[in-house]
N, C-alpha and C. Protein backbone atom coordinates (compact mmCIF):
# COMPACT_ATOMS: atom_id res chain seq x y z
N MET A 1 6.30 19.25 -8.45
CA MET A 1 5.44 18.68 -7.43
C MET A 1 6.24 18.42 -6.16
N SER A 2 5.58 18.61 -5.05
CA SER A 2 6.22 18.37 -3.77
C SER A 2 6.39 16.87 -3.53
N GLN A 3 7.52 16.46 -3.05
CA GLN A 3 7.80 15.05 -2.86
C GLN A 3 7.04 14.43 -1.68
N ASP A 4 6.53 15.24 -0.74
CA ASP A 4 5.87 14.67 0.44
C ASP A 4 4.52 14.06 0.09
N ASN A 5 3.78 14.65 -0.85
CA ASN A 5 2.43 14.19 -1.16
C ASN A 5 2.39 13.35 -2.43
N LEU A 6 3.50 13.08 -3.04
CA LEU A 6 3.52 12.41 -4.33
C LEU A 6 3.14 10.94 -4.19
N ILE A 7 2.17 10.51 -5.00
CA ILE A 7 1.76 9.11 -5.00
C ILE A 7 1.81 8.59 -6.44
N LYS A 8 1.92 7.28 -6.59
CA LYS A 8 1.97 6.69 -7.92
C LYS A 8 0.81 5.72 -8.10
N PHE A 9 0.35 5.61 -9.34
CA PHE A 9 -0.75 4.71 -9.69
C PHE A 9 -0.22 3.57 -10.53
N GLU A 10 -0.65 2.36 -10.19
CA GLU A 10 -0.22 1.15 -10.89
C GLU A 10 -1.42 0.49 -11.55
N CYS A 11 -1.27 0.07 -12.79
CA CYS A 11 -2.33 -0.62 -13.52
C CYS A 11 -2.61 -1.97 -12.87
N THR A 12 -3.87 -2.32 -12.70
CA THR A 12 -4.20 -3.60 -12.06
C THR A 12 -4.04 -4.76 -13.03
N ASN A 13 -4.00 -4.50 -14.34
CA ASN A 13 -3.85 -5.58 -15.32
C ASN A 13 -2.38 -5.93 -15.57
N CYS A 14 -1.58 -4.93 -15.96
CA CYS A 14 -0.19 -5.21 -16.33
C CYS A 14 0.80 -4.84 -15.22
N HIS A 15 0.34 -4.18 -14.14
CA HIS A 15 1.16 -3.82 -12.97
C HIS A 15 2.32 -2.89 -13.31
N ARG A 16 2.09 -1.99 -14.26
CA ARG A 16 3.08 -0.96 -14.57
C ARG A 16 2.65 0.36 -13.94
N ILE A 17 3.62 1.16 -13.54
CA ILE A 17 3.34 2.47 -12.95
C ILE A 17 3.23 3.48 -14.08
N ASN A 18 2.01 4.01 -14.27
CA ASN A 18 1.74 4.89 -15.40
C ASN A 18 1.53 6.35 -15.00
N TYR A 19 1.01 6.60 -13.83
CA TYR A 19 0.62 7.96 -13.46
C TYR A 19 1.18 8.34 -12.10
N TRP A 20 1.51 9.63 -11.94
CA TRP A 20 1.94 10.22 -10.67
C TRP A 20 1.04 11.39 -10.38
N THR A 21 0.67 11.59 -9.12
CA THR A 21 -0.15 12.72 -8.73
C THR A 21 0.08 13.03 -7.26
N THR A 22 -0.57 14.07 -6.78
CA THR A 22 -0.46 14.44 -5.36
C THR A 22 -1.81 14.23 -4.70
N ARG A 23 -1.78 14.12 -3.38
CA ARG A 23 -3.02 13.99 -2.63
C ARG A 23 -2.79 14.56 -1.24
N ASN A 24 -3.86 15.11 -0.66
CA ASN A 24 -3.80 15.64 0.69
C ASN A 24 -3.99 14.48 1.66
N ILE A 25 -2.91 14.08 2.32
CA ILE A 25 -2.91 12.90 3.18
C ILE A 25 -3.77 13.13 4.42
N LYS A 26 -3.87 14.38 4.88
CA LYS A 26 -4.67 14.67 6.07
C LYS A 26 -6.16 14.53 5.81
N LYS A 27 -6.61 14.85 4.60
CA LYS A 27 -8.04 14.80 4.29
C LYS A 27 -8.48 13.44 3.75
N ILE A 28 -7.68 12.84 2.88
CA ILE A 28 -8.06 11.57 2.25
C ILE A 28 -7.23 10.46 2.89
N LYS A 29 -7.87 9.64 3.71
CA LYS A 29 -7.16 8.58 4.46
C LYS A 29 -7.03 7.29 3.66
N THR A 30 -8.01 6.98 2.80
CA THR A 30 -8.00 5.71 2.08
C THR A 30 -7.16 5.84 0.80
N ARG A 31 -6.79 4.70 0.25
CA ARG A 31 -6.03 4.69 -0.99
C ARG A 31 -6.96 4.95 -2.16
N LEU A 32 -6.46 5.66 -3.14
CA LEU A 32 -7.27 6.01 -4.31
C LEU A 32 -7.24 4.89 -5.33
N GLU A 33 -8.37 4.78 -6.07
CA GLU A 33 -8.44 3.86 -7.20
C GLU A 33 -9.23 4.57 -8.30
N LEU A 34 -8.59 4.77 -9.44
CA LEU A 34 -9.19 5.49 -10.55
C LEU A 34 -9.13 4.67 -11.82
N LYS A 35 -10.09 4.91 -12.72
CA LYS A 35 -10.05 4.28 -14.04
C LYS A 35 -9.33 5.24 -14.98
N LYS A 36 -8.16 4.84 -15.47
CA LYS A 36 -7.36 5.67 -16.35
C LYS A 36 -6.93 4.82 -17.55
N HIS A 37 -6.45 5.49 -18.58
CA HIS A 37 -6.00 4.79 -19.78
C HIS A 37 -4.58 4.26 -19.57
N CYS A 38 -4.39 2.99 -19.85
CA CYS A 38 -3.06 2.37 -19.75
C CYS A 38 -2.48 2.25 -21.16
N PRO A 39 -1.34 2.89 -21.43
CA PRO A 39 -0.76 2.82 -22.76
C PRO A 39 -0.24 1.43 -23.14
N TRP A 40 0.10 0.59 -22.17
CA TRP A 40 0.60 -0.75 -22.47
C TRP A 40 -0.54 -1.74 -22.72
N CYS A 41 -1.64 -1.62 -21.97
CA CYS A 41 -2.81 -2.48 -22.20
C CYS A 41 -3.65 -1.95 -23.36
N LYS A 42 -3.48 -0.67 -23.68
CA LYS A 42 -4.24 0.02 -24.73
C LYS A 42 -5.74 0.00 -24.48
N LYS A 43 -6.12 0.20 -23.20
CA LYS A 43 -7.54 0.31 -22.84
C LYS A 43 -7.65 1.00 -21.49
N HIS A 44 -8.87 1.38 -21.12
CA HIS A 44 -9.10 1.98 -19.82
C HIS A 44 -9.12 0.87 -18.78
N ALA A 45 -8.30 1.03 -17.76
CA ALA A 45 -8.19 0.01 -16.72
C ALA A 45 -8.17 0.69 -15.36
N SER A 46 -8.45 -0.05 -14.35
CA SER A 46 -8.43 0.47 -13.00
C SER A 46 -6.97 0.60 -12.53
N HIS A 47 -6.65 1.76 -11.96
CA HIS A 47 -5.31 2.03 -11.45
C HIS A 47 -5.40 2.26 -9.95
N LYS A 48 -4.61 1.54 -9.18
CA LYS A 48 -4.61 1.66 -7.72
C LYS A 48 -3.37 2.39 -7.26
N GLU A 49 -3.51 3.08 -6.15
CA GLU A 49 -2.40 3.79 -5.53
C GLU A 49 -1.45 2.77 -4.89
N THR A 50 -0.15 2.96 -5.12
CA THR A 50 0.86 2.08 -4.52
C THR A 50 1.70 2.86 -3.54
N LYS A 51 2.56 2.16 -2.83
CA LYS A 51 3.40 2.81 -1.83
C LYS A 51 4.51 3.60 -2.48
């Protein structure tokens, strides 16, 4: 993955960084928030994009 577009997702419950992905910064201006499975909480939780 290219390092320029790489973003990380942090669990809103336990605040651990679980997922990495890319995003087109020119097209998507707002921060992403997705519901993903957290292996530490052992449930589906909301994950927010961090810096």
